[in-house]
C-alpha atoms as a PDB file:
ATOM      1  CA  MET A   1     -38.994 -45.423  64.284  1.00  0.00           C
ATOM      2  CA  LYS A   2     -39.338 -48.695  66.146  1.00  0.00           C
ATOM      3  CA  VAL A   3     -40.613 -48.695  69.700  1.00  0.00           C
ATOM      4  CA  GLN A   4     -40.271 -51.435  72.286  1.00  0.00           C
ATOM      5  CA  ALA A   5     -43.327 -53.450  73.294  1.00  0.00           C
ATOM      6  CA  PRO A   6     -44.744 -52.159  76.597  1.00  0.00           C
ATOM      7  CA  SER A   7     -44.017 -55.387  78.449  1.00  0.00           C
ATOM      8  CA  SER A   8     -42.259 -58.655  77.797  1.00  0.00           C
ATOM      9  CA  GLY A   9     -44.025 -60.335  80.708  1.00  0.00           C
ATOM     10  CA  ILE A  10     -46.708 -62.967  80.625  1.00  0.00           C
ATOM     11  CA  ARG A  11     -49.725 -63.062  82.919  1.00  0.00           C
ATOM     12  CA  ILE A  12     -49.988 -66.603  84.273  1.00  0.00           C
ATOM     13  CA  LEU A  13     -53.426 -68.010  85.098  1.00  0.00           C
ATOM     14  CA  GLU A  14     -53.357 -71.480  86.588  1.00  0.00           C
ATOM     15  CA  GLY A  15     -55.252 -73.903  88.776  1.00  0.00           C
ATOM     16  CA  SER A  16     -58.812 -75.174  88.602  1.00  0.00           C
ATOM     17  CA  TYR A  17     -61.251 -73.479  86.268  1.00  0.00           C
ATOM     18  CA  TYR A  18     -62.855 -71.780  89.252  1.00  0.00           C
ATOM     19  CA  GLU A  19     -59.456 -70.508  90.440  1.00  0.00           C
ATOM     20  CA  ILE A  20     -58.615 -69.202  86.962  1.00  0.00           C
ATOM     21  CA  GLY A  21     -61.993 -67.457  86.920  1.00  0.00           C
ATOM     22  CA  VAL A  22     -61.274 -65.799  90.262  1.00  0.00           C
ATOM     23  CA  GLN A  23     -57.945 -64.533  88.917  1.00  0.00           C
ATOM     24  CA  LEU A  24     -59.634 -63.110  85.804  1.00  0.00           C
ATOM     25  CA  GLY A  25     -62.490 -61.598  87.788  1.00  0.00           C
ATOM     26  CA  ALA A  26     -60.158 -59.773  90.147  1.00  0.00           C
ATOM     27  CA  THR A  27     -59.049 -57.486  87.293  1.00  0.00           C
ATOM     28  CA  LEU A  28     -62.537 -56.532  86.091  1.00  0.00           C
ATOM     29  CA  GLU A  29     -63.309 -53.607  88.379  1.00  0.00           C
ATOM     30  CA  ALA A  30     -63.075 -51.189  85.444  1.00  0.00           C
ATOM     31  CA  LEU A  31     -65.267 -53.282  83.144  1.00  0.00           C
ATOM     32  CA  GLN A  32     -68.531 -51.546  82.332  1.00  0.00           C
ATOM     33  CA  ILE A  33     -71.268 -54.197  82.497  1.00  0.00           C
ATOM     34  CA  PRO A  34     -74.711 -52.954  81.481  1.00  0.00           C
ATOM     35  CA  GLU A  35     -77.855 -54.047  83.255  1.00  0.00           C
ATOM     36  CA  ALA A  36     -79.189 -57.146  81.515  1.00  0.00           C
ATOM     37  CA  THR A  37     -82.475 -56.997  79.629  1.00  0.00           C
ATOM     38  CA  ALA A  38     -85.018 -59.787  79.917  1.00  0.00           C
ATOM     39  CA  GLU A  39     -84.107 -60.845  76.369  1.00  0.00           C
ATOM     40  CA  GLY A  40     -80.404 -60.859  77.231  1.00  0.00           C
ATOM     41  CA  ARG A  41     -80.957 -62.937  80.358  1.00  0.00           C
ATOM     42  CA  ALA A  42     -83.026 -65.476  78.418  1.00  0.00           C
ATOM     43  CA  LEU A  43     -80.440 -65.802  75.645  1.00  0.00           C
ATOM     44  CA  ALA A  44     -77.622 -66.109  78.184  1.00  0.00           C
ATOM     45  CA  ALA A  45     -79.484 -68.887  79.988  1.00  0.00           C
ATOM     46  CA  SER A  46     -79.886 -70.780  76.709  1.00  0.00           C
ATOM     47  CA  CYS A  47     -76.192 -70.341  75.878  1.00  0.00           C
ATOM     48  CA  GLU A  48     -75.232 -71.431  79.385  1.00  0.00           C
ATOM     49  CA  ALA A  49     -77.315 -74.596  78.949  1.00  0.00           C
ATOM     50  CA  LEU A  50     -75.346 -75.400  75.773  1.00  0.00           C
ATOM     51  CA  ILE A  51     -72.063 -74.990  77.653  1.00  0.00           C
ATOM     52  CA  ALA A  52     -73.349 -77.257  80.416  1.00  0.00           C
ATOM     53  CA  GLU A  53     -73.839 -79.948  77.771  1.00  0.00           C
ATOM     54  CA  ARG A  54     -70.604 -79.439  75.818  1.00  0.00           C
ATOM     55  CA  TYR A  55     -67.949 -78.306  78.295  1.00  0.00           C
ATOM     56  CA  PRO A  56     -69.326 -77.756  81.817  1.00  0.00           C
ATOM     57  CA  ALA A  57     -65.918 -76.784  83.250  1.00  0.00           C
ATOM     58  CA  ILE A  58     -66.487 -73.322  81.744  1.00  0.00           C
ATOM     59  CA  LEU A  59     -69.365 -72.827  84.175  1.00  0.00           C
ATOM     60  CA  ASP A  60     -66.896 -73.036  87.060  1.00  0.00           C
ATOM     61  CA  LYS A  61     -64.741 -70.363  85.430  1.00  0.00           C
ATOM     62  CA  VAL A  62     -67.732 -68.047  85.078  1.00  0.00           C
ATOM     63  CA  GLU A  63     -68.697 -68.515  88.721  1.00  0.00           C
ATOM     64  CA  GLY A  64     -65.081 -67.797  89.671  1.00  0.00           C
ATOM     65  CA  MET A  65     -65.099 -64.573  87.650  1.00  0.00           C
ATOM     66  CA  ILE A  66     -68.299 -63.461  89.351  1.00  0.00           C
ATOM     67  CA  ALA A  67     -66.837 -64.191  92.787  1.00  0.00           C
ATOM     68  CA  GLY A  68     -63.415 -62.717  92.013  1.00  0.00           C
ATOM     69  CA  GLY A  69     -64.835 -59.484  90.649  1.00  0.00           C
ATOM     70  CA  GLY A  70     -67.814 -59.117  92.976  1.00  0.00           C
ATOM     71  CA  LEU A  71     -69.994 -58.971  89.867  1.00  0.00           C
ATOM     72  CA  ARG A  72     -73.771 -59.077  89.538  1.00  0.00           C
ATOM     73  CA  SER A  73     -74.441 -62.600  88.328  1.00  0.00           C
ATOM     74  CA  GLU A  74     -77.320 -62.095  85.886  1.00  0.00           C
ATOM     75  CA  ASP A  75     -75.821 -58.969  84.325  1.00  0.00           C
ATOM     76  CA  PHE A  76     -72.395 -60.536  83.943  1.00  0.00           C
ATOM     77  CA  LYS A  77     -73.732 -63.761  82.457  1.00  0.00           C
ATOM     78  CA  ALA A  78     -75.733 -61.847  79.855  1.00  0.00           C
ATOM     79  CA  PHE A  79     -72.576 -59.879  79.007  1.00  0.00           C
ATOM     80  CA  PHE A  80     -70.348 -62.980  78.982  1.00  0.00           C
ATOM     81  CA  TYR A  81     -72.551 -65.377  77.019  1.00  0.00           C
ATOM     82  CA  ALA A  82     -74.648 -63.154  74.774  1.00  0.00           C
ATOM     83  CA  ARG A  83     -73.013 -59.750  74.334  1.00  0.00           C
ATOM     84  CA  ASP A  84     -73.769 -58.236  70.932  1.00  0.00           C
ATOM     85  CA  LEU A  85     -70.735 -57.323  68.835  1.00  0.00           C
ATOM     86  CA  SER A  86     -69.948 -54.144  66.999  1.00  0.00           C
ATOM     87  CA  SER A  87     -70.189 -54.457  63.247  1.00  0.00           C
ATOM     88  CA  GLN A  88     -66.690 -53.033  62.749  1.00  0.00           C
ATOM     89  CA  MET A  89     -64.478 -55.601  61.045  1.00  0.00           C
ATOM     90  CA  GLY A  90     -60.761 -56.143  60.793  1.00  0.00           C
ATOM     91  CA  CYS A  91     -57.850 -58.616  60.927  1.00  0.00           C
ATOM     92  CA  THR A  92     -55.578 -60.190  58.343  1.00  0.00           C
ATOM     93  CA  ASN A  93     -54.569 -63.797  59.058  1.00  0.00           C
ATOM     94  CA  LEU A  94     -52.366 -66.032  56.931  1.00  0.00           C
ATOM     95  CA  ALA A  95     -50.470 -69.303  57.058  1.00  0.00           C
ATOM     96  CA  VAL A  96     -47.586 -70.284  54.782  1.00  0.00           C
ATOM     97  CA  LEU A  97     -46.983 -74.022  54.367  1.00  0.00           C
ATOM     98  CA  PRO A  98     -43.593 -75.797  54.673  1.00  0.00           C
ATOM     99  CA  GLY A  99     -42.997 -75.932  50.920  1.00  0.00           C
ATOM    100  CA  ARG A 100     -43.056 -72.133  50.826  1.00  0.00           C
ATOM    101  CA  THR A 101     -41.294 -71.396  54.118  1.00  0.00           C
ATOM    102  CA  GLY A 102     -38.156 -73.291  53.250  1.00  0.00           C
ATOM    103  CA  ASP A 103     -38.114 -75.273  56.477  1.00  0.00           C
ATOM    104  CA  ASP A 104     -40.318 -77.933  58.019  1.00  0.00           C
ATOM    105  CA  SER A 105     -42.790 -75.609  59.713  1.00  0.00           C
ATOM    106  CA  ILE A 106     -45.950 -73.660  59.042  1.00  0.00           C
ATOM    107  CA  LEU A 107     -45.440 -69.926  59.515  1.00  0.00           C
ATOM    108  CA  VAL A 108     -48.403 -67.850  60.674  1.00  0.00           C
ATOM    109  CA  GLY A 109     -48.816 -64.077  60.410  1.00  0.00           C
ATOM    110  CA  VAL A 110     -51.613 -62.029  61.970  1.00  0.00           C
ATOM    111  CA  ASN A 111     -52.526 -58.367  62.188  1.00  0.00           C
ATOM    112  CA  TYR A 112     -55.327 -58.037  64.716  1.00  0.00           C
ATOM    113  CA  ASP A 113     -57.444 -54.950  64.062  1.00  0.00           C
ATOM    114  CA  TRP A 114     -59.798 -53.472  66.637  1.00  0.00           C
ATOM    115  CA  TYR A 115     -60.658 -50.249  68.442  1.00  0.00           C
ATOM    116  CA  PHE A 116     -57.596 -48.375  69.664  1.00  0.00           C
ATOM    117  CA  GLN A 117     -59.378 -47.713  72.975  1.00  0.00           C
ATOM    118  CA  SER A 118     -59.121 -51.454  73.731  1.00  0.00           C
ATOM    119  CA  GLN A 119     -55.323 -51.288  73.840  1.00  0.00           C
ATOM    120  CA  GLU A 120     -55.345 -50.966  77.639  1.00  0.00           C
ATOM    121  CA  TRP A 121     -56.724 -54.533  77.855  1.00  0.00           C
ATOM    122  CA  ARG A 122     -53.999 -56.095  75.704  1.00  0.00           C
ATOM    123  CA  GLU A 123     -51.877 -58.768  77.321  1.00  0.00           C
ATOM    124  CA  ILE A 124     -50.166 -62.107  76.877  1.00  0.00           C
ATOM    125  CA  ARG A 125     -51.770 -64.851  78.959  1.00  0.00           C
ATOM    126  CA  SER A 126     -50.351 -68.223  79.836  1.00  0.00           C
ATOM    127  CA  ILE A 127     -53.416 -70.344  80.642  1.00  0.00           C
ATOM    128  CA  ARG A 128     -52.631 -73.464  82.675  1.00  0.00           C
ATOM    129  CA  PRO A 129     -55.862 -75.216  83.663  1.00  0.00           C
ATOM    130  CA  GLU A 130     -55.860 -78.451  85.604  1.00  0.00           C
ATOM    131  CA  ASP A 131     -56.606 -81.490  83.403  1.00  0.00           C
ATOM    132  CA  ALA A 132     -56.572 -79.478  80.150  1.00  0.00           C
ATOM    133  CA  LEU A 133     -54.008 -78.319  77.592  1.00  0.00           C
ATOM    134  CA  ARG A 134     -51.837 -75.312  78.410  1.00  0.00           C
ATOM    135  CA  SER A 135     -51.705 -72.391  76.004  1.00  0.00           C
ATOM    136  CA  VAL A 136     -50.206 -68.956  75.398  1.00  0.00           C
ATOM    137  CA  ARG A 137     -52.668 -66.374  74.090  1.00  0.00           C
ATOM    138  CA  VAL A 138     -52.747 -62.793  72.833  1.00  0.00           C
ATOM    139  CA  THR A 139     -55.790 -60.791  73.780  1.00  0.00           C
ATOM    140  CA  HIS A 140     -57.522 -57.471  74.318  1.00  0.00           C
ATOM    141  CA  HIS A 141     -60.562 -59.152  75.844  1.00  0.00           C
ATOM    142  CA  TRP A 142     -61.514 -59.286  79.509  1.00  0.00           C
ATOM    143  CA  ALA A 143     -62.440 -62.981  79.302  1.00  0.00           C
ATOM    144  CA  GLY A 144     -61.350 -64.657  76.075  1.00  0.00           C
ATOM    145  CA  SER A 145     -58.504 -64.622  73.576  1.00  0.00           C
ATOM    146  CA  PRO A 146     -58.788 -64.325  69.782  1.00  0.00           C
ATOM    147  CA  ASP A 147     -55.290 -65.698  69.055  1.00  0.00           C
ATOM    148  CA  GLY A 148     -53.340 -68.473  70.739  1.00  0.00           C
ATOM    149  CA  ILE A 149     -51.221 -71.619  70.524  1.00  0.00           C
ATOM    150  CA  ASN A 150     -51.323 -74.624  72.844  1.00  0.00           C
ATOM    151  CA  GLU A 151     -48.780 -77.149  74.077  1.00  0.00           C
ATOM    152  CA  ALA A 152     -49.906 -79.724  71.480  1.00  0.00           C
ATOM    153  CA  GLY A 153     -48.942 -77.364  68.644  1.00  0.00           C
ATOM    154  CA  LEU A 154     -52.475 -76.254  67.775  1.00  0.00           C
ATOM    155  CA  GLY A 155     -52.902 -72.590  66.821  1.00  0.00           C
ATOM    156  CA  VAL A 156     -56.223 -70.723  66.548  1.00  0.00           C
ATOM    157  CA  PHE A 157     -56.458 -67.229  65.018  1.00  0.00           C
ATOM    158  CA  LEU A 158     -59.711 -65.303  64.678  1.00  0.00           C
ATOM    159  CA  SER A 159     -61.202 -62.853  62.173  1.00  0.00           C
ATOM    160  CA  VAL A 160     -64.778 -61.632  62.211  1.00  0.00           C
ATOM    161  CA  LEU A 161     -67.225 -62.096  59.323  1.00  0.00           C
ATOM    162  CA  PRO A 162     -70.248 -59.927  58.451  1.00  0.00           C
ATOM    163  CA  GLN A 163     -72.818 -60.321  61.194  1.00  0.00           C
ATOM    164  CA  ASP A 164     -76.436 -61.309  60.820  1.00  0.00           C
ATOM    165  CA  ARG A 165     -78.964 -60.874  63.567  1.00  0.00           C
ATOM    166  CA  ILE A 166     -78.574 -63.477  66.305  1.00  0.00           C
ATOM    167  CA  ALA A 167     -80.908 -66.337  65.372  1.00  0.00           C
ATOM    168  CA  GLY A 168     -80.766 -68.287  68.621  1.00  0.00           C
ATOM    169  CA  PRO A 169     -78.499 -69.629  71.331  1.00  0.00           C
ATOM    170  CA  GLY A 170     -74.940 -70.626  70.489  1.00  0.00           C
ATOM    171  CA  LEU A 171     -71.371 -70.383  71.734  1.00  0.00           C
ATOM    172  CA  PRO A 172     -69.694 -66.944  71.570  1.00  0.00           C
ATOM    173  CA  TRP A 173     -66.292 -66.755  69.901  1.00  0.00           C
ATOM    174  CA  HIS A 174     -64.303 -66.497  73.133  1.00  0.00           C
ATOM    175  CA  LEU A 175     -65.681 -69.814  74.395  1.00  0.00           C
ATOM    176  CA  VAL A 176     -65.013 -71.465  71.020  1.00  0.00           C
ATOM    177  CA  THR A 177     -61.335 -70.464  71.150  1.00  0.00           C
ATOM    178  CA  ASP A 178     -61.079 -71.373  74.843  1.00  0.00           C
ATOM    179  CA  ILE A 179     -62.398 -74.875  74.275  1.00  0.00           C
ATOM    180  CA  MET A 180     -60.350 -75.458  71.119  1.00  0.00           C
ATOM    181  CA  LEU A 181     -57.102 -74.442  72.804  1.00  0.00           C
ATOM    182  CA  GLU A 182     -57.836 -76.408  75.971  1.00  0.00           C
ATOM    183  CA  THR A 183     -59.117 -79.644  74.416  1.00  0.00           C
ATOM    184  CA  CYS A 184     -57.956 -79.989  70.775  1.00  0.00           C
ATOM    185  CA  GLN A 185     -54.609 -81.245  69.510  1.00  0.00           C
ATOM    186  CA  THR A 186     -55.301 -81.403  65.764  1.00  0.00           C
ATOM    187  CA  VAL A 187     -57.108 -79.522  63.030  1.00  0.00           C
ATOM    188  CA  THR A 188     -59.478 -82.474  62.719  1.00  0.00           C
ATOM    189  CA  GLN A 189     -60.458 -82.288  66.377  1.00  0.00           C
ATOM    190  CA  ALA A 190     -60.977 -78.538  66.185  1.00  0.00           C
ATOM    191  CA  ARG A 191     -63.085 -78.878  63.039  1.00  0.00           C
ATOM    192  CA  ASP A 192     -65.216 -81.640  64.559  1.00  0.00           C
ATOM    193  CA  PHE A 193     -65.793 -79.607  67.707  1.00  0.00           C
ATOM    194  CA  LEU A 194     -66.771 -76.478  65.789  1.00  0.00           C
ATOM    195  CA  ASP A 195     -69.073 -78.490  63.546  1.00  0.00           C
ATOM    196  CA  SER A 196     -70.822 -80.010  66.567  1.00  0.00           C
ATOM    197  CA  ILE A 197     -72.000 -76.748  68.124  1.00  0.00           C
ATOM    198  CA  PRO A 198     -74.251 -73.846  67.191  1.00  0.00           C
ATOM    199  CA  ARG A 199     -72.341 -70.563  67.059  1.00  0.00           C
ATOM    200  CA  LEU A 200     -73.653 -67.227  68.242  1.00  0.00           C
ATOM    201  CA  ARG A 201     -71.913 -65.199  65.518  1.00  0.00           C
ATOM    202  CA  ALA A 202     -69.984 -65.579  62.257  1.00  0.00           C
ATOM    203  CA  PHE A 203     -66.182 -65.859  62.306  1.00  0.00           C
ATOM    204  CA  ASN A 204     -63.220 -67.239  60.390  1.00  0.00           C
ATOM    205  CA  TYR A 205     -61.066 -69.556  62.494  1.00  0.00           C
ATOM    206  CA  LEU A 206     -57.598 -70.116  61.020  1.00  0.00           C
ATOM    207  CA  VAL A 207     -56.462 -73.384  62.641  1.00  0.00           C
ATOM    208  CA  ILE A 208     -52.962 -74.895  62.438  1.00  0.00           C
ATOM    209  CA  ASP A 209     -51.557 -78.053  64.058  1.00  0.00           C
ATOM    210  CA  ALA A 210     -48.254 -79.819  64.665  1.00  0.00           C
ATOM    211  CA  LEU A 211     -49.052 -82.280  61.853  1.00  0.00           C
ATOM    212  CA  ARG A 212     -48.564 -79.340  59.446  1.00  0.00           C
ATOM    213  CA  GLN A 213     -52.245 -79.117  58.635  1.00  0.00           C
ATOM    214  CA  ALA A 214     -53.897 -75.734  58.106  1.00  0.00           C
ATOM    215  CA  VAL A 215     -57.516 -74.782  57.374  1.00  0.00           C
ATOM    216  CA  VAL A 216     -59.810 -71.815  57.590  1.00  0.00           C
ATOM    217  CA  LEU A 217     -63.079 -72.808  59.235  1.00  0.00           C
ATOM    218  CA  GLU A 218     -65.679 -70.370  57.928  1.00  0.00           C
ATOM    219  CA  ALA A 219     -68.159 -70.677  60.768  1.00  0.00           C
ATOM    220  CA  LEU A 220     -71.546 -69.052  60.287  1.00  0.00           C
ATOM    221  CA  PRO A 221     -74.084 -69.575  63.070  1.00  0.00           C
ATOM    222  CA  ARG A 222     -75.643 -72.608  61.398  1.00  0.00           C
ATOM    223  CA  SER A 223     -73.179 -73.688  58.684  1.00  0.00           C
ATOM    224  CA  LEU A 224     -69.498 -74.526  58.454  1.00  0.00           C
ATOM    225  CA  THR A 225     -67.285 -74.385  55.350  1.00  0.00           C
ATOM    226  CA  ILE A 226     -63.711 -75.673  55.336  1.00  0.00           C
ATOM    227  CA  ARG A 227     -61.170 -73.862  53.181  1.00  0.00           C
ATOM    228  CA  HIS A 228     -57.789 -75.481  52.445  1.00  0.00           C
ATOM    229  CA  PRO A 229     -54.444 -73.940  51.346  1.00  0.00           C
ATOM    230  CA  GLN A 230     -53.772 -73.097  47.710  1.00  0.00           C
ATOM    231  CA  ASP A 231     -50.351 -72.349  46.215  1.00  0.00           C
ATOM    232  CA  GLY A 232     -48.771 -73.144  49.572  1.00  0.00           C
ATOM    233  CA  PHE A 233     -50.618 -70.575  51.661  1.00  0.00           C
ATOM    234  CA  LEU A 234     -53.956 -69.779  53.261  1.00  0.00           C
ATOM    235  CA  LEU A 235     -55.553 -66.368  53.874  1.00  0.00           C
ATOM    236  CA  ALA A 236     -58.462 -65.084  55.927  1.00  0.00           C
ATOM    237  CA  THR A 237     -59.722 -61.527  56.250  1.00  0.00           C
ATOM    238  CA  ASN A 238     -63.382 -60.502  56.721  1.00  0.00           C
ATOM    239  CA  HIS A 239     -65.293 -61.883  53.779  1.00  0.00           C
ATOM    240  CA  LEU A 240     -65.998 -65.289  52.231  1.00  0.00           C
ATOM    241  CA  PRO A 241     -63.734 -65.563  49.162  1.00  0.00           C
ATOM    242  CA  GLY A 242     -65.739 -66.156  46.009  1.00  0.00           C
ATOM    243  CA  ARG A 243     -68.998 -65.490  47.870  1.00  0.00           C
ATOM    244  CA  GLU A 244     -68.804 -61.753  48.348  1.00  0.00           C
ATOM    245  CA  VAL A 245     -72.098 -59.921  48.711  1.00  0.00           C
ATOM    246  CA  ALA A 246     -73.145 -57.922  45.640  1.00  0.00           C
ATOM    247  CA  GLU A 247     -72.475 -54.264  46.415  1.00  0.00           C
ATOM    248  CA  GLU A 248     -76.001 -53.183  45.433  1.00  0.00           C
ATOM    249  CA  LYS A 249     -77.218 -55.179  48.443  1.00  0.00           C
ATOM    250  CA  LEU A 250     -74.888 -53.408  50.876  1.00  0.00           C
ATOM    251  CA  SER A 251     -75.064 -50.139  52.737  1.00  0.00           C
ATOM    252  CA  GLU A 252     -72.309 -47.613  52.040  1.00  0.00           C
ATOM    253  CA  GLU A 253     -70.600 -48.580  55.294  1.00  0.00           C
ATOM    254  CA  ASP A 254     -70.728 -52.299  54.486  1.00  0.00           C
ATOM    255  CA  LYS A 255     -69.410 -51.633  50.968  1.00  0.00           C
ATOM    256  CA  ARG A 256     -66.391 -49.931  52.527  1.00  0.00           C
ATOM    257  CA  ARG A 257     -65.798 -52.855  54.889  1.00  0.00           C
ATOM    258  CA  GLN A 258     -66.031 -55.456  52.150  1.00  0.00           C
ATOM    259  CA  ARG A 259     -63.794 -53.443  49.805  1.00  0.00           C
ATOM    260  CA  ARG A 260     -61.159 -53.099  52.516  1.00  0.00           C
ATOM    261  CA  SER A 261     -61.287 -56.794  53.338  1.00  0.00           C
ATOM    262  CA  LEU A 262     -60.905 -57.649  49.659  1.00  0.00           C
ATOM    263  CA  ALA A 263     -58.017 -55.183  49.286  1.00  0.00           C
ATOM    264  CA  ARG A 264     -56.089 -56.764  52.170  1.00  0.00           C
ATOM    265  CA  TYR A 265     -56.803 -60.288  50.923  1.00  0.00           C
ATOM    266  CA  ARG A 266     -55.702 -59.476  47.363  1.00  0.00           C
ATOM    267  CA  ARG A 267     -52.607 -57.597  48.501  1.00  0.00           C
ATOM    268  CA  ALA A 268     -51.443 -60.457  50.743  1.00  0.00           C
ATOM    269  CA  LYS A 269     -52.045 -62.930  47.919  1.00  0.00           C
ATOM    270  CA  GLU A 270     -50.133 -60.709  45.495  1.00  0.00           C
ATOM    271  CA  ILE A 271     -47.135 -60.527  47.841  1.00  0.00           C
ATOM    272  CA  LEU A 272     -47.102 -64.268  48.513  1.00  0.00           C
ATOM    273  CA  ARG A 273     -47.554 -65.280  44.886  1.00  0.00           C
ATOM    274  CA  GLY A 274     -44.945 -62.784  43.740  1.00  0.00           C
ATOM    275  CA  SER A 275     -42.257 -64.031  46.079  1.00  0.00           C
ATOM    276  CA  GLU A 276     -39.725 -66.363  44.463  1.00  0.00           C
ATOM    277  CA  ALA A 277     -37.770 -66.723  47.697  1.00  0.00           C
ATOM    278  CA  ALA A 278     -38.906 -68.686  50.735  1.00  0.00           C
ATOM    279  CA  ILE A 279     -41.227 -66.843  53.089  1.00  0.00           C
ATOM    280  CA  ASP A 280     -39.242 -66.508  56.304  1.00  0.00           C
ATOM    281  CA  GLU A 281     -39.966 -64.474  59.425  1.00  0.00           C
ATOM    282  CA  ALA A 282     -38.499 -61.307  57.914  1.00  0.00           C
ATOM    283  CA  ALA A 283     -40.657 -61.623  54.780  1.00  0.00           C
ATOM    284  CA  MET A 284     -43.753 -62.301  56.887  1.00  0.00           C
ATOM    285  CA  LYS A 285     -43.141 -59.234  59.024  1.00  0.00           C
ATOM    286  CA  THR A 286     -42.621 -57.092  55.922  1.00  0.00           C
ATOM    287  CA  LEU A 287     -45.969 -58.294  54.571  1.00  0.00           C
ATOM    288  CA  LEU A 288     -47.691 -57.414  57.852  1.00  0.00           C
ATOM    289  CA  MET A 289     -46.218 -53.896  57.658  1.00  0.00           C
ATOM    290  CA  ASP A 290     -47.774 -53.257  54.212  1.00  0.00           C
ATOM    291  CA  HIS A 291     -49.377 -49.829  53.775  1.00  0.00           C
ATOM    292  CA  GLU A 292     -50.630 -50.266  50.217  1.00  0.00           C
ATOM    293  CA  ALA A 293     -53.796 -52.224  50.976  1.00  0.00           C
ATOM    294  CA  PRO A 294     -53.232 -51.321  53.833  1.00  0.00           C
ATOM    295  CA  ILE A 295     -52.622 -54.440  55.919  1.00  0.00           C
ATOM    296  CA  CYS A 296     -51.057 -52.341  58.703  1.00  0.00           C
ATOM    297  CA  ARG A 297     -54.221 -50.358  59.397  1.00  0.00           C
ATOM    298  CA  GLY A 298     -55.506 -47.190  60.990  1.00  0.00           C
ATOM    299  CA  ASN A 299     -54.023 -43.769  61.674  1.00  0.00           C
ATOM    300  CA  HIS A 300     -50.584 -44.205  63.184  1.00  0.00           C
ATOM    301  CA  GLU A 301     -50.919 -40.858  64.981  1.00  0.00           C
ATOM    302  CA  PRO A 302     -54.617 -40.682  65.967  1.00  0.00           C
ATOM    303  CA  ILE A 303     -56.014 -37.170  66.264  1.00  0.00           C
ATOM    304  CA  PRO A 304     -57.608 -36.504  69.678  1.00  0.00           C
ATOM    305  CA  GLY A 305     -61.350 -35.971  69.421  1.00  0.00           C
ATOM    306  CA  ASP A 306     -61.598 -37.377  65.883  1.00  0.00           C
ATOM    307  CA  ASP A 307     -63.990 -40.352  65.896  1.00  0.00           C
ATOM    308  CA  SER A 308     -63.696 -41.182  62.183  1.00  0.00           C
ATOM    309  CA  TYR A 309     -63.188 -44.850  61.300  1.00  0.00           C
ATOM    310  CA  ASP A 310     -59.446 -44.873  60.666  1.00  0.00           C
ATOM    311  CA  ASN A 311     -58.755 -42.671  63.666  1.00  0.00           C
ATOM    312  CA  VAL A 312     -60.354 -45.032  66.187  1.00  0.00           C
ATOM    313  CA  PHE A 313     -59.876 -48.456  64.570  1.00  0.00           C
ATOM    314  CA  GLY A 314     -56.784 -50.245  63.281  1.00  0.00           C
ATOM    315  CA  THR A 315     -54.041 -52.740  64.032  1.00  0.00           C
ATOM    316  CA  ILE A 316     -53.568 -53.149  67.802  1.00  0.00           C
ATOM    317  CA  TRP A 317     -51.119 -56.051  67.591  1.00  0.00           C
ATOM    318  CA  SER A 318     -49.223 -58.111  65.056  1.00  0.00           C
ATOM    319  CA  LEU A 319     -47.895 -61.615  65.578  1.00  0.00           C
ATOM    320  CA  VAL A 320     -45.727 -64.193  63.855  1.00  0.00           C
ATOM    321  CA  ALA A 321     -45.950 -67.783  65.067  1.00  0.00           C
ATOM    322  CA  ARG A 322     -44.877 -71.343  64.453  1.00  0.00           C
ATOM    323  CA  PRO A 323     -47.517 -73.202  66.485  1.00  0.00           C
ATOM    324  CA  GLY A 324     -45.911 -76.609  65.990  1.00  0.00           C
ATOM    325  CA  GLN A 325     -42.755 -75.311  67.652  1.00  0.00           C
ATOM    326  CA  GLY A 326     -44.481 -73.338  70.390  1.00  0.00           C
ATOM    327  CA  ASP A 327     -42.989 -70.134  68.960  1.00  0.00           C
ATOM    328  CA  LEU A 328     -44.918 -66.856  69.263  1.00  0.00           C
ATOM    329  CA  GLN A 329     -43.674 -63.314  68.561  1.00  0.00           C
ATOM    330  CA  VAL A 330     -45.853 -60.260  69.201  1.00  0.00           C
ATOM    331  CA  ALA A 331     -45.543 -56.571  68.309  1.00  0.00           C
ATOM    332  CA  TRP A 332     -47.973 -54.292  70.129  1.00  0.00           C
ATOM    333  CA  GLY A 333     -49.661 -51.755  67.881  1.00  0.00           C
ATOM    334  CA  HIS A 334     -48.639 -51.113  64.280  1.00  0.00           C
ATOM    335  CA  PRO A 335     -45.893 -53.578  63.305  1.00  0.00           C
ATOM    336  CA  CYS A 336     -44.090 -50.938  61.246  1.00  0.00           C
ATOM    337  CA  ARG A 337     -43.406 -49.063  64.484  1.00  0.00           C
ATOM    338  CA  SER A 338     -43.046 -51.813  67.112  1.00  0.00           C
ATOM    339  CA  GLU A 339     -40.508 -54.506  67.834  1.00  0.00           C
ATOM    340  CA  TYR A 340     -41.584 -58.137  67.878  1.00  0.00           C
ATOM    341  CA  VAL A 341     -40.947 -59.799  71.233  1.00  0.00           C
ATOM    342  CA  SER A 342     -40.806 -63.577  71.705  1.00  0.00           C
ATOM    343  CA  TYR A 343     -43.179 -65.349  74.093  1.00  0.00           C
ATOM    344  CA  GLY A 344     -42.945 -69.058  74.695  1.00  0.00           C
ATOM    345  CA  PRO A 345     -42.484 -71.906  74.591  1.00  0.00           C
ATOM    346  CA  VAL A 346     -45.972 -72.801  75.769  1.00  0.00           C
END
């Protein structure tokens, strides 16, 4: 049974960076911000110094969030700049190039996987900063957005990679996507920006532009690898293809995560390679609904009180996009049970 998305509205955030921060901060009363440790404060200060060098406008947004939410400055900054991530991993991201889509556009498909408890934070945001590019974003995050497209036709879509211990200061993922969407018009610009900064954690960034370029930027904290399309498509899950970690070096939990990432990657590749017809929106949505790997993940009817992996973690939204055309469709929750709703143009 299909269910309608909970809302077809878009939350609009516009004005100066400080004003956008105030608007974001005003909704953070329910956010649980732990008291910062001395180590957390020191790391946050180092990360903040990097932002001051690279894109100081973000500092105004942070001050606006603190003012808008009546937040404790040191605690919030440690949470904003240097929060440690859970090791849970999900997301299946893919791009199909024009030769395979049958028209002149790149078609993007994403299943974003995260904790079901974060569903209350999901929303569509239209970000309209002064003197920067506008964008439409999909998020479950109180500050940043893992997926989005901007008015120049750039699309950025995130999937987490296995995490090592933080080695030093760097930009967290939500500031990387913010800056890309607000300043970059092409894949080349996004790549150059990402290559110029230290990153706090390891992520795949699937980046698309209006010039019909597509890459996966495999961004570890201190190295960047660029992966290009093959056979007319590009895939990213939660491992580095061809550089998987030998299972004897992994814990049982990490073995499970890597096996699941590989299963989703291989299943998506199998579907795309096996298709003789053009990959249109209907075919993309069918792929995102796959239950064999599964690509559409997690218990569809979670059992109250059960904290097992598949009962608390799975697909919390699915999207299909043509960034070059400003087209974005989103289904909240499992795509096999939710209708896609159009948002846009940017």
